[in-house]
Amino acid sequence: MEPSYPTCGKYLEKRADIIRSARNFFYARGYLEVETPVRIPCPIPEAHIDPFDSDGWSLHASPEICMKQLLARGYERIFQIARVFRKAERGRKHLPEFSLLEWYTSDSTYVELMDQIETLIIELAVDLGLNKQLVYQGHTIDLSPPWDCITVAEAFETFSNTGLSDALTNDTYDEVMGCEIEPKLGFEKPVFLYDYPASKASLARVREGNSQVAERVELYIAGLELANGFTELIDPEEQASRFKAEQDLRKRLGKKNYPLPESFLQNLACMPRCAGIAAGLDRIVMLFCDTTVIDDVVAFVPENL
């Protein structure tokens, strides 16, 4: 009996076109495409991301731990299309193994990241013949610049009945963000959500003169979170302190802890001022294919292997 694959791989040709266009975007701007190990000794401690173990090491949840060490070696403009792995992530928009498009730029901040991904998405749309206009699930989205920008504090005031301070105090931040705010973002124009609470950005630089705000940005189009980026924290002592706080939180949540990534922390001292961003490649393809199901845009899903 032949196995049934109702929608899996429905848009592989368009996916290939998008990946080709994305690579050309970075090649044209002088970025070096790199490959880094999938299996690493120690993952970055993150309370709500659980890695897969691999013979005493871990499969990476993001290539950043190695890509940042390449920055420390002097590679100033790098990108990668990487397979990454996260436990217990399966749903219409999630897979335990998926693809990230991640890039880093020396002498850059999260402001430049916004400009870069805005230009990237517009160029992808033009390459696909969409002329800076996208229709997704019945919504016509204007991709012409400039895109909308809103701070996290403003988003709480605009889209929920809970202020940011109250959400942080009452430990309802993630619930309000996921259920009330994110589903409302980016239905007329793409939206950059930026200036996150420092407690919600463990790898981002804190704003000079305002220790409560971290220079983190996320991109939303039609309610889809597409990218997450930072002006990178490059202070080894501060980063180690934040990692230990994440370890403590994992312990309180009853999750497995891992050693600190000491090699990564040592290399931070050599890193230039820089910014980096990870974009969910599968979700970008979903957007351009007008589908709400990630299964449609990948060749295989776990249930069909």
C-alpha atoms as a PDB file:
ATOM      1  CA  MET A   1       0.000   0.000   0.000  1.00  0.00           C
ATOM      2  CA  GLU A   2       1.346   3.414  -0.987  1.00  0.00           C
ATOM      3  CA  PRO A   3       1.867   5.879   1.902  1.00  0.00           C
ATOM      4  CA  SER A   4      -0.400   8.919   1.954  1.00  0.00           C
ATOM      5  CA  TYR A   5       1.114  12.404   1.769  1.00  0.00           C
ATOM      6  CA  PRO A   6      -1.933  14.682   1.540  1.00  0.00           C
ATOM      7  CA  THR A   7      -0.140  18.032   1.323  1.00  0.00           C
ATOM      8  CA  CYS A   8       3.506  17.410   2.196  1.00  0.00           C
ATOM      9  CA  GLY A   9       5.832  19.042  -0.321  1.00  0.00           C
ATOM     10  CA  LYS A  10       3.059  20.792  -2.231  1.00  0.00           C
ATOM     11  CA  TYR A  11       5.179  23.903  -2.863  1.00  0.00           C
ATOM     12  CA  LEU A  12       8.721  22.573  -3.236  1.00  0.00           C
ATOM     13  CA  GLU A  13       9.330  24.351  -6.552  1.00  0.00           C
ATOM     14  CA  LYS A  14       8.427  27.737  -5.107  1.00  0.00           C
ATOM     15  CA  ARG A  15      10.469  26.969  -2.012  1.00  0.00           C
ATOM     16  CA  ALA A  16      13.506  26.360  -4.229  1.00  0.00           C
ATOM     17  CA  ASP A  17      12.900  29.665  -6.032  1.00  0.00           C
ATOM     18  CA  ILE A  18      12.743  31.532  -2.712  1.00  0.00           C
ATOM     19  CA  ILE A  19      15.935  29.926  -1.399  1.00  0.00           C
ATOM     20  CA  ARG A  20      17.737  30.764  -4.649  1.00  0.00           C
ATOM     21  CA  SER A  21      16.595  34.394  -4.453  1.00  0.00           C
ATOM     22  CA  ALA A  22      17.594  34.661  -0.789  1.00  0.00           C
ATOM     23  CA  ARG A  23      21.086  33.387  -1.515  1.00  0.00           C
ATOM     24  CA  ASN A  24      21.455  35.829  -4.406  1.00  0.00           C
ATOM     25  CA  PHE A  25      20.379  38.670  -2.094  1.00  0.00           C
ATOM     26  CA  PHE A  26      23.282  37.992   0.271  1.00  0.00           C
ATOM     27  CA  TYR A  27      25.829  37.179  -2.440  1.00  0.00           C
ATOM     28  CA  ALA A  28      25.090  40.535  -4.085  1.00  0.00           C
ATOM     29  CA  ARG A  29      25.860  42.309  -0.798  1.00  0.00           C
ATOM     30  CA  GLY A  30      29.188  40.636  -0.156  1.00  0.00           C
ATOM     31  CA  TYR A  31      28.078  38.107   2.483  1.00  0.00           C
ATOM     32  CA  LEU A  32      29.960  34.859   2.894  1.00  0.00           C
ATOM     33  CA  GLU A  33      27.775  31.753   3.076  1.00  0.00           C
ATOM     34  CA  VAL A  34      29.012  29.523   5.894  1.00  0.00           C
ATOM     35  CA  GLU A  35      28.269  26.082   7.281  1.00  0.00           C
ATOM     36  CA  THR A  36      28.630  25.350  10.967  1.00  0.00           C
ATOM     37  CA  PRO A  37      28.273  22.103  12.957  1.00  0.00           C
ATOM     38  CA  VAL A  38      24.770  20.839  13.689  1.00  0.00           C
ATOM     39  CA  ARG A  39      26.020  18.895  16.718  1.00  0.00           C
ATOM     40  CA  ILE A  40      27.623  20.998  19.463  1.00  0.00           C
ATOM     41  CA  PRO A  41      29.014  20.303  22.972  1.00  0.00           C
ATOM     42  CA  CYS A  42      26.758  22.780  24.827  1.00  0.00           C
ATOM     43  CA  PRO A  43      23.579  24.543  23.713  1.00  0.00           C
ATOM     44  CA  ILE A  44      22.790  28.122  24.599  1.00  0.00           C
ATOM     45  CA  PRO A  45      20.739  28.016  27.834  1.00  0.00           C
ATOM     46  CA  GLU A  46      17.166  29.022  26.997  1.00  0.00           C
ATOM     47  CA  ALA A  47      14.345  28.287  29.399  1.00  0.00           C
ATOM     48  CA  HIS A  48      11.697  27.590  26.780  1.00  0.00           C
ATOM     49  CA  ILE A  49      13.743  25.872  24.062  1.00  0.00           C
ATOM     50  CA  ASP A  50      14.688  22.248  24.646  1.00  0.00           C
ATOM     51  CA  PRO A  51      17.464  20.675  22.545  1.00  0.00           C
ATOM     52  CA  PHE A  52      17.747  17.126  21.285  1.00  0.00           C
ATOM     53  CA  ASP A  53      20.623  15.215  22.876  1.00  0.00           C
ATOM     54  CA  SER A  54      23.113  13.517  20.548  1.00  0.00           C
ATOM     55  CA  ASP A  55      25.608  11.094  22.110  1.00  0.00           C
ATOM     56  CA  GLY A  56      26.480  13.442  24.965  1.00  0.00           C
ATOM     57  CA  TRP A  57      26.293  16.603  22.863  1.00  0.00           C
ATOM     58  CA  SER A  58      23.250  18.480  21.479  1.00  0.00           C
ATOM     59  CA  LEU A  59      21.732  19.251  18.111  1.00  0.00           C
ATOM     60  CA  HIS A  60      21.721  23.008  17.771  1.00  0.00           C
ATOM     61  CA  ALA A  61      18.513  25.037  18.039  1.00  0.00           C
ATOM     62  CA  SER A  62      20.204  27.828  16.088  1.00  0.00           C
ATOM     63  CA  PRO A  63      23.590  28.195  14.379  1.00  0.00           C
ATOM     64  CA  GLU A  64      24.366  31.386  16.322  1.00  0.00           C
ATOM     65  CA  ILE A  65      26.751  29.829  18.844  1.00  0.00           C
ATOM     66  CA  CYS A  66      29.199  28.990  16.026  1.00  0.00           C
ATOM     67  CA  MET A  67      28.409  31.876  13.673  1.00  0.00           C
ATOM     68  CA  LYS A  68      29.262  34.420  16.352  1.00  0.00           C
ATOM     69  CA  GLN A  69      32.598  32.714  16.878  1.00  0.00           C
ATOM     70  CA  LEU A  70      33.255  33.240  13.160  1.00  0.00           C
ATOM     71  CA  LEU A  71      32.578  36.940  13.693  1.00  0.00           C
ATOM     72  CA  ALA A  72      35.185  36.865  16.460  1.00  0.00           C
ATOM     73  CA  ARG A  73      37.650  35.422  13.923  1.00  0.00           C
ATOM     74  CA  GLY A  74      37.167  38.418  11.654  1.00  0.00           C
ATOM     75  CA  TYR A  75      34.421  37.354   9.223  1.00  0.00           C
ATOM     76  CA  GLU A  76      32.352  40.525   9.053  1.00  0.00           C
ATOM     77  CA  ARG A  77      29.341  39.572   6.895  1.00  0.00           C
ATOM     78  CA  ILE A  78      28.093  35.973   7.060  1.00  0.00           C
ATOM     79  CA  PHE A  79      24.856  34.095   6.424  1.00  0.00           C
ATOM     80  CA  GLN A  80      23.652  30.514   6.626  1.00  0.00           C
ATOM     81  CA  ILE A  81      20.621  28.438   5.753  1.00  0.00           C
ATOM     82  CA  ALA A  82      20.666  25.889   8.558  1.00  0.00           C
ATOM     83  CA  ARG A  83      18.653  22.913   9.696  1.00  0.00           C
ATOM     84  CA  VAL A  84      17.869  23.344  13.399  1.00  0.00           C
ATOM     85  CA  PHE A  85      16.199  21.190  16.035  1.00  0.00           C
ATOM     86  CA  ARG A  86      13.852  21.880  18.943  1.00  0.00           C
ATOM     87  CA  LYS A  87      11.979  19.348  21.057  1.00  0.00           C
ATOM     88  CA  ALA A  88       8.207  19.343  21.448  1.00  0.00           C
ATOM     89  CA  GLU A  89       7.579  21.748  18.577  1.00  0.00           C
ATOM     90  CA  ARG A  90       4.900  20.341  16.281  1.00  0.00           C
ATOM     91  CA  GLY A  91       1.840  22.082  14.958  1.00  0.00           C
ATOM     92  CA  ARG A  92       0.476  23.884  11.920  1.00  0.00           C
ATOM     93  CA  LYS A  93       3.372  26.372  12.080  1.00  0.00           C
ATOM     94  CA  HIS A  94       5.989  24.282  13.896  1.00  0.00           C
ATOM     95  CA  LEU A  95       8.291  21.331  13.246  1.00  0.00           C
ATOM     96  CA  PRO A  96      10.918  19.787  15.537  1.00  0.00           C
ATOM     97  CA  GLU A  97      13.386  20.064  12.617  1.00  0.00           C
ATOM     98  CA  PHE A  98      13.150  23.160  10.446  1.00  0.00           C
ATOM     99  CA  SER A  99      15.164  25.708   8.460  1.00  0.00           C
ATOM    100  CA  LEU A 100      16.535  29.058   9.614  1.00  0.00           C
ATOM    101  CA  LEU A 101      18.017  31.779   7.461  1.00  0.00           C
ATOM    102  CA  GLU A 102      20.454  33.498   9.814  1.00  0.00           C
ATOM    103  CA  TRP A 103      22.895  36.334   9.175  1.00  0.00           C
ATOM    104  CA  TYR A 104      25.294  38.604  11.065  1.00  0.00           C
ATOM    105  CA  THR A 105      26.848  41.949  10.192  1.00  0.00           C
ATOM    106  CA  SER A 106      29.730  43.683  11.946  1.00  0.00           C
ATOM    107  CA  ASP A 107      29.412  47.367  12.857  1.00  0.00           C
ATOM    108  CA  SER A 108      25.630  47.102  12.720  1.00  0.00           C
ATOM    109  CA  THR A 109      22.585  47.401  15.007  1.00  0.00           C
ATOM    110  CA  TYR A 110      19.002  46.197  15.074  1.00  0.00           C
ATOM    111  CA  VAL A 111      18.023  49.320  13.116  1.00  0.00           C
ATOM    112  CA  GLU A 112      20.047  48.082  10.123  1.00  0.00           C
ATOM    113  CA  LEU A 113      18.502  44.609  10.576  1.00  0.00           C
ATOM    114  CA  MET A 114      15.056  46.091  10.011  1.00  0.00           C
ATOM    115  CA  ASP A 115      16.212  47.698   6.776  1.00  0.00           C
ATOM    116  CA  GLN A 116      17.881  44.479   5.624  1.00  0.00           C
ATOM    117  CA  ILE A 117      14.960  42.122   6.127  1.00  0.00           C
ATOM    118  CA  GLU A 118      12.523  44.679   4.718  1.00  0.00           C
ATOM    119  CA  THR A 119      14.624  44.823   1.534  1.00  0.00           C
ATOM    120  CA  LEU A 120      15.028  41.021   1.475  1.00  0.00           C
ATOM    121  CA  ILE A 121      11.282  40.289   1.672  1.00  0.00           C
ATOM    122  CA  ILE A 122      10.503  42.927  -0.960  1.00  0.00           C
ATOM    123  CA  GLU A 123      13.120  41.483  -3.319  1.00  0.00           C
ATOM    124  CA  LEU A 124      11.751  37.976  -2.799  1.00  0.00           C
ATOM    125  CA  ALA A 125       8.273  39.249  -3.644  1.00  0.00           C
ATOM    126  CA  VAL A 126       9.504  41.022  -6.783  1.00  0.00           C
ATOM    127  CA  ASP A 127      11.419  37.902  -7.886  1.00  0.00           C
ATOM    128  CA  LEU A 128       8.167  35.960  -7.526  1.00  0.00           C
ATOM    129  CA  GLY A 129       6.321  38.513  -9.652  1.00  0.00           C
ATOM    130  CA  LEU A 130       4.264  39.981  -6.800  1.00  0.00           C
ATOM    131  CA  ASN A 131       5.230  43.648  -7.309  1.00  0.00           C
ATOM    132  CA  LYS A 132       5.447  44.617  -3.624  1.00  0.00           C
ATOM    133  CA  GLN A 133       1.967  43.348  -2.823  1.00  0.00           C
ATOM    134  CA  LEU A 134       1.122  40.093  -1.102  1.00  0.00           C
ATOM    135  CA  VAL A 135      -2.200  38.328  -0.603  1.00  0.00           C
ATOM    136  CA  TYR A 136      -2.239  35.974   2.367  1.00  0.00           C
ATOM    137  CA  GLN A 137      -5.412  34.199   3.518  1.00  0.00           C
ATOM    138  CA  GLY A 138      -7.590  36.893   1.987  1.00  0.00           C
ATOM    139  CA  HIS A 139      -5.579  39.830   3.369  1.00  0.00           C
ATOM    140  CA  THR A 140      -3.845  42.171   0.910  1.00  0.00           C
ATOM    141  CA  ILE A 141      -0.568  43.282   2.482  1.00  0.00           C
ATOM    142  CA  ASP A 142       1.327  46.302   1.174  1.00  0.00           C
ATOM    143  CA  LEU A 143       5.047  45.496   1.174  1.00  0.00           C
ATOM    144  CA  SER A 144       6.190  48.919  -0.014  1.00  0.00           C
ATOM    145  CA  PRO A 145       8.539  50.672   2.442  1.00  0.00           C
ATOM    146  CA  PRO A 146       8.630  51.971   5.057  1.00  0.00           C
ATOM    147  CA  TRP A 147       7.098  49.205   7.137  1.00  0.00           C
ATOM    148  CA  ASP A 148       5.321  49.859  10.419  1.00  0.00           C
ATOM    149  CA  CYS A 149       7.255  49.868  13.700  1.00  0.00           C
ATOM    150  CA  ILE A 150       5.831  49.567  17.198  1.00  0.00           C
ATOM    151  CA  THR A 151       7.525  49.092  20.556  1.00  0.00           C
ATOM    152  CA  VAL A 152       6.535  46.199  22.790  1.00  0.00           C
ATOM    153  CA  ALA A 153       5.175  48.661  25.365  1.00  0.00           C
ATOM    154  CA  GLU A 154       3.015  50.326  22.691  1.00  0.00           C
ATOM    155  CA  ALA A 155       1.790  46.930  21.483  1.00  0.00           C
ATOM    156  CA  PHE A 156       0.573  46.037  24.982  1.00  0.00           C
ATOM    157  CA  GLU A 157      -1.283  49.338  25.224  1.00  0.00           C
ATOM    158  CA  THR A 158      -2.786  49.047  21.734  1.00  0.00           C
ATOM    159  CA  PHE A 159      -3.690  45.386  21.379  1.00  0.00           C
ATOM    160  CA  SER A 160      -4.381  44.129  24.909  1.00  0.00           C
ATOM    161  CA  ASN A 161      -6.113  45.129  28.105  1.00  0.00           C
ATOM    162  CA  THR A 162      -2.916  44.568  30.078  1.00  0.00           C
ATOM    163  CA  GLY A 163      -0.029  47.017  30.319  1.00  0.00           C
ATOM    164  CA  LEU A 164       3.503  45.755  29.857  1.00  0.00           C
ATOM    165  CA  SER A 165       4.513  46.382  33.481  1.00  0.00           C
ATOM    166  CA  ASP A 166       1.472  44.505  34.789  1.00  0.00           C
ATOM    167  CA  ALA A 167       2.108  41.589  32.415  1.00  0.00           C
ATOM    168  CA  LEU A 168       5.695  41.282  33.606  1.00  0.00           C
ATOM    169  CA  THR A 169       4.703  41.576  37.260  1.00  0.00           C
ATOM    170  CA  ASN A 170       1.859  39.045  36.953  1.00  0.00           C
ATOM    171  CA  ASP A 171       3.921  36.641  34.807  1.00  0.00           C
ATOM    172  CA  THR A 172       1.356  36.845  31.975  1.00  0.00           C
ATOM    173  CA  TYR A 173       3.694  38.413  29.408  1.00  0.00           C
ATOM    174  CA  ASP A 174       4.042  35.316  27.191  1.00  0.00           C
ATOM    175  CA  GLU A 175       0.315  34.555  27.323  1.00  0.00           C
ATOM    176  CA  VAL A 176      -0.724  38.094  26.393  1.00  0.00           C
ATOM    177  CA  MET A 177       1.897  38.343  23.671  1.00  0.00           C
ATOM    178  CA  GLY A 178       0.988  34.998  22.113  1.00  0.00           C
ATOM    179  CA  CYS A 179      -2.794  35.156  22.409  1.00  0.00           C
ATOM    180  CA  GLU A 180      -3.683  38.850  22.193  1.00  0.00           C
ATOM    181  CA  ILE A 181      -0.908  40.758  20.427  1.00  0.00           C
ATOM    182  CA  GLU A 182       0.879  38.598  17.857  1.00  0.00           C
ATOM    183  CA  PRO A 183      -2.306  37.423  16.037  1.00  0.00           C
ATOM    184  CA  LYS A 184      -3.188  41.075  15.295  1.00  0.00           C
ATOM    185  CA  LEU A 185       0.095  42.210  13.782  1.00  0.00           C
ATOM    186  CA  GLY A 186       0.918  42.912  10.147  1.00  0.00           C
ATOM    187  CA  PHE A 187      -2.335  42.540   8.241  1.00  0.00           C
ATOM    188  CA  GLU A 188      -2.087  45.790   6.256  1.00  0.00           C
ATOM    189  CA  LYS A 189       1.681  46.304   6.252  1.00  0.00           C
ATOM    190  CA  PRO A 190       4.451  44.236   7.838  1.00  0.00           C
ATOM    191  CA  VAL A 191       5.195  45.239  11.432  1.00  0.00           C
ATOM    192  CA  PHE A 192       8.463  45.405  13.329  1.00  0.00           C
ATOM    193  CA  LEU A 193       7.945  44.838  17.051  1.00  0.00           C
ATOM    194  CA  TYR A 194      10.980  46.238  18.852  1.00  0.00           C
ATOM    195  CA  ASP A 195      12.484  47.392  22.162  1.00  0.00           C
ATOM    196  CA  TYR A 196      11.718  44.330  24.258  1.00  0.00           C
ATOM    197  CA  PRO A 197      11.941  44.211  28.048  1.00  0.00           C
ATOM    198  CA  ALA A 198      15.516  43.389  29.016  1.00  0.00           C
ATOM    199  CA  SER A 199      14.261  40.260  30.787  1.00  0.00           C
ATOM    200  CA  LYS A 200      12.917  38.933  27.451  1.00  0.00           C
ATOM    201  CA  ALA A 201      16.104  39.247  25.406  1.00  0.00           C
ATOM    202  CA  SER A 202      18.930  37.234  26.926  1.00  0.00           C
ATOM    203  CA  LEU A 203      21.282  37.646  23.932  1.00  0.00           C
ATOM    204  CA  ALA A 204      20.569  41.292  23.074  1.00  0.00           C
ATOM    205  CA  ARG A 205      22.409  44.444  24.053  1.00  0.00           C
ATOM    206  CA  VAL A 206      20.620  46.628  26.587  1.00  0.00           C
ATOM    207  CA  ARG A 207      19.845  50.152  25.400  1.00  0.00           C
ATOM    208  CA  GLU A 208      22.434  52.672  26.504  1.00  0.00           C
ATOM    209  CA  GLY A 209      20.847  54.918  29.113  1.00  0.00           C
ATOM    210  CA  ASN A 210      17.855  52.595  29.634  1.00  0.00           C
ATOM    211  CA  SER A 211      18.672  49.284  31.278  1.00  0.00           C
ATOM    212  CA  GLN A 212      15.030  48.161  31.093  1.00  0.00           C
ATOM    213  CA  VAL A 213      15.004  47.927  27.283  1.00  0.00           C
ATOM    214  CA  ALA A 214      16.888  45.478  25.060  1.00  0.00           C
ATOM    215  CA  GLU A 215      17.657  46.116  21.395  1.00  0.00           C
ATOM    216  CA  ARG A 216      15.632  43.206  20.056  1.00  0.00           C
ATOM    217  CA  VAL A 217      13.273  43.206  17.064  1.00  0.00           C
ATOM    218  CA  GLU A 218      10.808  40.721  15.601  1.00  0.00           C
ATOM    219  CA  LEU A 219       9.041  40.848  12.241  1.00  0.00           C
ATOM    220  CA  TYR A 220       5.355  39.977  11.821  1.00  0.00           C
ATOM    221  CA  ILE A 221       3.344  39.650   8.634  1.00  0.00           C
ATOM    222  CA  ALA A 222      -0.319  38.573   8.770  1.00  0.00           C
ATOM    223  CA  GLY A 223       0.080  37.354  12.338  1.00  0.00           C
ATOM    224  CA  LEU A 224       3.102  35.181  11.468  1.00  0.00           C
ATOM    225  CA  GLU A 225       6.297  35.712  13.434  1.00  0.00           C
ATOM    226  CA  LEU A 226       8.964  35.566  10.725  1.00  0.00           C
ATOM    227  CA  ALA A 227      12.227  36.788  12.261  1.00  0.00           C
ATOM    228  CA  ASN A 228      13.937  37.562  15.554  1.00  0.00           C
ATOM    229  CA  GLY A 229      17.063  39.716  15.777  1.00  0.00           C
ATOM    230  CA  PHE A 230      19.302  41.670  18.132  1.00  0.00           C
ATOM    231  CA  THR A 231      21.984  44.203  18.468  1.00  0.00           C
ATOM    232  CA  GLU A 232      24.237  41.525  19.915  1.00  0.00           C
ATOM    233  CA  LEU A 233      25.437  41.485  23.497  1.00  0.00           C
ATOM    234  CA  ILE A 234      29.239  41.116  23.385  1.00  0.00           C
ATOM    235  CA  ASP A 235      30.094  41.438  27.089  1.00  0.00           C
ATOM    236  CA  PRO A 236      31.209  37.947  28.271  1.00  0.00           C
ATOM    237  CA  GLU A 237      30.520  38.599  31.972  1.00  0.00           C
ATOM    238  CA  GLU A 238      27.049  39.977  31.355  1.00  0.00           C
ATOM    239  CA  GLN A 239      26.240  37.146  28.954  1.00  0.00           C
ATOM    240  CA  ALA A 240      27.416  34.523  31.460  1.00  0.00           C
ATOM    241  CA  SER A 241      25.222  36.118  34.117  1.00  0.00           C
ATOM    242  CA  ARG A 242      22.194  35.945  31.835  1.00  0.00           C
ATOM    243  CA  PHE A 243      22.939  32.351  30.914  1.00  0.00           C
ATOM    244  CA  LYS A 244      23.075  31.416  34.602  1.00  0.00           C
ATOM    245  CA  ALA A 245      19.697  33.080  35.122  1.00  0.00           C
ATOM    246  CA  GLU A 246      18.291  30.932  32.294  1.00  0.00           C
ATOM    247  CA  GLN A 247      19.831  27.851  33.904  1.00  0.00           C
ATOM    248  CA  ASP A 248      18.150  28.745  37.196  1.00  0.00           C
ATOM    249  CA  LEU A 249      14.814  29.126  35.430  1.00  0.00           C
ATOM    250  CA  ARG A 250      15.220  25.770  33.693  1.00  0.00           C
ATOM    251  CA  LYS A 251      15.927  24.207  37.074  1.00  0.00           C
ATOM    252  CA  ARG A 252      12.775  25.738  38.562  1.00  0.00           C
ATOM    253  CA  LEU A 253      10.796  24.400  35.599  1.00  0.00           C
ATOM    254  CA  GLY A 254      12.191  20.916  36.184  1.00  0.00           C
ATOM    255  CA  LYS A 255      14.082  20.857  32.893  1.00  0.00           C
ATOM    256  CA  LYS A 256      17.468  19.359  32.116  1.00  0.00           C
ATOM    257  CA  ASN A 257      20.399  21.741  32.440  1.00  0.00           C
ATOM    258  CA  TYR A 258      23.555  21.810  30.362  1.00  0.00           C
ATOM    259  CA  PRO A 259      27.038  23.242  31.031  1.00  0.00           C
ATOM    260  CA  LEU A 260      27.689  26.814  30.003  1.00  0.00           C
ATOM    261  CA  PRO A 261      29.144  27.171  26.469  1.00  0.00           C
ATOM    262  CA  GLU A 262      32.542  28.350  27.695  1.00  0.00           C
ATOM    263  CA  SER A 263      34.185  28.517  24.261  1.00  0.00           C
ATOM    264  CA  PHE A 264      31.413  30.796  23.046  1.00  0.00           C
ATOM    265  CA  LEU A 265      31.722  33.056  26.096  1.00  0.00           C
ATOM    266  CA  GLN A 266      35.494  33.318  25.666  1.00  0.00           C
ATOM    267  CA  ASN A 267      35.070  34.340  22.026  1.00  0.00           C
ATOM    268  CA  LEU A 268      32.600  37.090  22.906  1.00  0.00           C
ATOM    269  CA  ALA A 269      35.507  39.207  24.127  1.00  0.00           C
ATOM    270  CA  CYS A 270      36.841  39.254  20.544  1.00  0.00           C
ATOM    271  CA  MET A 271      33.543  39.940  18.812  1.00  0.00           C
ATOM    272  CA  PRO A 272      33.012  43.292  17.102  1.00  0.00           C
ATOM    273  CA  ARG A 273      29.914  45.389  17.640  1.00  0.00           C
ATOM    274  CA  CYS A 274      27.384  43.620  15.461  1.00  0.00           C
ATOM    275  CA  ALA A 275      23.809  42.604  14.853  1.00  0.00           C
ATOM    276  CA  GLY A 276      22.259  39.289  13.855  1.00  0.00           C
ATOM    277  CA  ILE A 277      18.864  37.928  12.930  1.00  0.00           C
ATOM    278  CA  ALA A 278      17.247  34.544  12.359  1.00  0.00           C
ATOM    279  CA  ALA A 279      14.350  34.262   9.920  1.00  0.00           C
ATOM    280  CA  GLY A 280      12.112  31.218   9.760  1.00  0.00           C
ATOM    281  CA  LEU A 281      12.624  30.091   6.183  1.00  0.00           C
ATOM    282  CA  ASP A 282       9.705  27.655   6.217  1.00  0.00           C
ATOM    283  CA  ARG A 283       7.360  30.405   7.413  1.00  0.00           C
ATOM    284  CA  ILE A 284       8.578  32.802   4.735  1.00  0.00           C
ATOM    285  CA  VAL A 285       7.736  30.125   2.165  1.00  0.00           C
ATOM    286  CA  MET A 286       4.332  29.612   3.839  1.00  0.00           C
ATOM    287  CA  LEU A 287       3.663  33.315   3.470  1.00  0.00           C
ATOM    288  CA  PHE A 288       4.471  33.420  -0.237  1.00  0.00           C
ATOM    289  CA  CYS A 289       2.565  30.188  -0.878  1.00  0.00           C
ATOM    290  CA  ASP A 290      -0.532  31.461   0.957  1.00  0.00           C
ATOM    291  CA  THR A 291      -0.743  28.444   3.243  1.00  0.00           C
ATOM    292  CA  THR A 292      -1.268  28.170   6.988  1.00  0.00           C
ATOM    293  CA  VAL A 293       0.230  24.661   7.220  1.00  0.00           C
ATOM    294  CA  ILE A 294       3.993  24.199   7.401  1.00  0.00           C
ATOM    295  CA  ASP A 295       3.634  20.640   6.047  1.00  0.00           C
ATOM    296  CA  ASP A 296       2.827  22.140   2.635  1.00  0.00           C
ATOM    297  CA  VAL A 297       6.265  23.717   2.200  1.00  0.00           C
ATOM    298  CA  VAL A 298       8.648  20.926   3.317  1.00  0.00           C
ATOM    299  CA  ALA A 299       9.519  17.664   1.630  1.00  0.00           C
ATOM    300  CA  PHE A 300       9.006  15.488   4.722  1.00  0.00           C
ATOM    301  CA  VAL A 301       7.391  15.753   8.131  1.00  0.00           C
ATOM    302  CA  PRO A 302       8.186  13.406  11.055  1.00  0.00           C
ATOM    303  CA  GLU A 303       4.955  11.453  10.742  1.00  0.00           C
ATOM    304  CA  ASN A 304       5.755  10.438   7.145  1.00  0.00           C
ATOM    305  CA  LEU A 305       9.273   9.126   7.745  1.00  0.00           C
END
